[in-house]
Protein backbone atom coordinates (compact mmCIF):
# COMPACT_ATOMS: atom_id res chain seq x y z
CA UNK A 1 0.69 27.87 -22.15
CA UNK A 2 3.22 27.44 -18.56
CA UNK A 3 3.26 23.39 -16.96
CA UNK A 4 3.72 21.99 -13.87
CA UNK A 5 6.93 20.48 -13.65
CA UNK A 6 9.71 19.29 -11.32
CA UNK A 7 10.08 21.65 -8.27
CA UNK A 8 7.13 23.38 -8.83
CA UNK A 9 4.74 24.17 -5.73
CA UNK A 10 0.90 23.61 -7.05
CA UNK A 11 -2.45 23.68 -6.29
CA UNK A 12 -5.00 20.79 -7.09
CA UNK A 13 -8.68 19.72 -6.43
CA UNK A 14 -8.74 15.91 -6.71
CA UNK A 15 -11.31 12.59 -6.56
CA UNK A 16 -9.82 9.28 -5.94
CA UNK A 17 -11.63 6.21 -5.99
CA UNK A 18 -10.87 2.40 -5.90
CA UNK A 19 -11.14 -0.04 -8.90
CA UNK A 20 -14.77 -0.55 -8.04
CA UNK A 21 -15.60 2.90 -8.14
CA UNK A 22 -15.49 3.14 -4.69
CA UNK A 23 -14.68 7.30 -3.40
CA UNK A 24 -11.92 7.15 -0.63
CA UNK A 25 -10.96 11.02 -0.96
CA UNK A 26 -11.42 14.15 -2.12
CA UNK A 27 -10.37 17.67 -1.52
CA UNK A 28 -13.89 19.16 -3.62
CA UNK A 29 -15.42 20.26 -0.47
CA UNK A 30 -12.17 21.48 1.16
CA UNK A 31 -8.87 23.05 0.48
CA UNK A 32 -7.12 22.23 -1.97
CA UNK A 33 -4.12 19.96 -2.09
CA UNK A 34 -0.57 22.07 -1.95
CA UNK A 35 2.33 20.37 -2.55
CA UNK A 36 6.27 20.47 -4.68
CA UNK A 37 6.20 17.85 -7.54
CA UNK A 38 9.27 16.13 -6.56
CA UNK A 39 9.57 16.50 -2.42
CA UNK A 40 8.12 12.86 -1.91
CA UNK A 41 4.96 14.83 0.00
CA UNK A 42 2.39 12.56 -2.02
CA UNK A 43 2.59 9.28 -3.98
CA UNK A 44 4.77 9.15 -7.13
CA UNK A 45 1.50 8.26 -9.39
CA UNK A 46 -0.03 11.15 -8.57
CA UNK A 47 3.15 13.52 -8.96
CA UNK A 48 3.84 12.09 -12.58
CA UNK A 49 0.23 12.52 -13.32
CA UNK A 50 0.06 16.81 -12.30
CA UNK A 51 3.58 16.78 -14.32
CA UNK A 52 2.87 18.52 -17.82
CA UNK A 53 -0.56 19.92 -16.66
CA UNK A 54 -1.21 23.38 -16.98
CA UNK A 55 -3.65 25.52 -15.06
CA UNK A 56 -7.04 24.46 -15.51
CA UNK A 57 -6.20 21.35 -16.89
CA UNK A 58 -8.48 18.29 -15.89
CA UNK A 59 -7.37 14.85 -16.25
CA UNK A 60 -8.31 10.93 -14.86
CA UNK A 61 -5.61 9.07 -14.41
CA UNK A 62 -5.40 5.40 -13.05
CA UNK A 63 -2.36 5.03 -10.85
CA UNK A 64 -0.79 1.34 -10.70
CA UNK A 65 -0.69 -0.22 -6.97
CA UNK A 66 3.32 0.15 -7.49
CA UNK A 67 3.56 3.58 -8.37
CA UNK A 68 0.54 4.37 -5.36
CA UNK A 69 1.36 2.62 -1.95
CA UNK A 70 2.51 -0.53 -3.15
CA UNK A 71 1.68 -4.30 -2.95
CA UNK A 72 0.29 -5.67 0.52
CA UNK A 73 2.85 -7.07 2.38
CA UNK A 74 1.73 -9.94 5.00
CA UNK A 75 5.23 -9.66 6.81
CA UNK A 76 3.49 -6.06 8.35
CA UNK A 77 0.81 -7.65 10.26
CA UNK A 78 1.81 -9.14 13.42
CA UNK A 79 -0.50 -10.49 16.23
CA UNK A 80 0.56 -8.99 19.95
CA UNK A 81 -0.94 -10.62 23.11
CA UNK A 82 -3.53 -8.61 24.78
CA UNK A 83 -1.73 -8.07 28.19
CA UNK A 84 1.14 -5.74 26.04
CA UNK A 85 -1.91 -2.90 25.85
CA UNK A 86 -3.67 -1.13 28.83
CA UNK A 87 -6.03 -3.13 30.57
CA UNK A 88 -8.55 -0.72 30.32
CA UNK A 89 -7.78 0.19 26.56
CA UNK A 90 -10.35 0.24 24.41
CA UNK A 91 -9.32 -1.60 21.57
CA UNK A 92 -11.51 -1.51 18.28
CA UNK A 93 -11.06 -2.93 14.35
CA UNK A 94 -9.90 0.02 12.29
CA UNK A 95 -8.35 1.87 15.49
CA UNK A 96 -4.83 3.24 14.55
CA UNK A 97 -1.51 2.95 17.26
CA UNK A 98 1.94 4.26 16.43
CA UNK A 99 4.53 1.64 17.81
CA UNK A 100 8.17 1.38 17.20
CA UNK A 101 9.57 -1.38 14.80
CA UNK A 102 12.96 -3.38 15.60
CA UNK A 103 14.87 -0.21 14.37
CA UNK A 104 13.51 2.61 16.20
CA UNK A 105 11.45 3.68 13.73
CA UNK A 106 7.68 5.05 14.37
CA UNK A 107 4.94 3.29 12.25
CA UNK A 108 1.24 3.38 11.92
CA UNK A 109 -0.51 0.08 12.83
CA UNK A 110 -4.19 -0.63 12.43
CA UNK A 111 -5.90 -3.09 14.77
CA UNK A 112 -7.84 -5.46 12.44
CA UNK A 113 -8.90 -8.29 14.84
CA UNK A 114 -9.88 -8.54 18.23
CA UNK A 115 -10.05 -11.67 20.69
CA UNK A 116 -9.71 -12.11 24.46
CA UNK A 117 -6.06 -12.76 24.21
CA UNK A 118 -4.63 -11.35 20.93
CA UNK A 119 -4.86 -8.43 18.72
CA UNK A 120 -3.82 -8.50 15.07
CA UNK A 121 -2.46 -5.69 13.45
CA UNK A 122 -1.71 -4.25 10.38
CA UNK A 123 1.39 -1.96 9.39
CA UNK A 124 0.27 -1.52 5.40
CA UNK A 125 -1.58 1.46 4.16
CA UNK A 126 -4.99 1.02 4.05
CA UNK A 127 -5.07 1.17 0.08
CA UNK A 128 -1.72 -1.11 0.20
CA UNK A 129 -2.17 -4.01 -3.03
CA UNK A 130 -4.78 -1.23 -4.75
CA UNK A 131 -4.93 0.40 -8.27
CA UNK A 132 -6.04 3.90 -7.78
CA UNK A 133 -8.04 6.03 -9.77
CA UNK A 134 -7.81 10.04 -9.93
CA UNK A 135 -9.27 13.07 -11.04
CA UNK A 136 -7.20 15.61 -10.73
CA UNK A 137 -7.51 19.71 -12.13
CA UNK A 138 -4.75 21.84 -11.92
CA UNK A 139 -5.80 25.07 -10.08
CA UNK A 140 -2.36 27.05 -10.01
CA UNK A 141 1.64 26.90 -10.38
CA UNK A 142 1.97 28.66 -6.80
């Protein structure tokens, strides 16, 4: 039977859960996820889990933090003065902003705290610092 390998484009259904069992993402009620193994479109641990699977295979894997979204990094948390945002901006916890860092790269920052004078922004992925468990079903190798 054919097995998925690096360079193959695959279609999968998946359910992602955190350590406590909380589901954070699923493709079950949507179109399957299609990606090319090795292109870096999904986290490394997910790609590695699909390698060796055959269409119809289902497996559950736990992906350690370093093969998922990495360790939580305090250095990408920033505090900005409220007056750096438009006066009429409705700033709410959980809201995301695309900003430029010191080198001009675009980064997505999430508002994690709002006071009358300051806004705290977090540049970590929301799942940074977490081991993740995925149930993966390989539907087809395209």
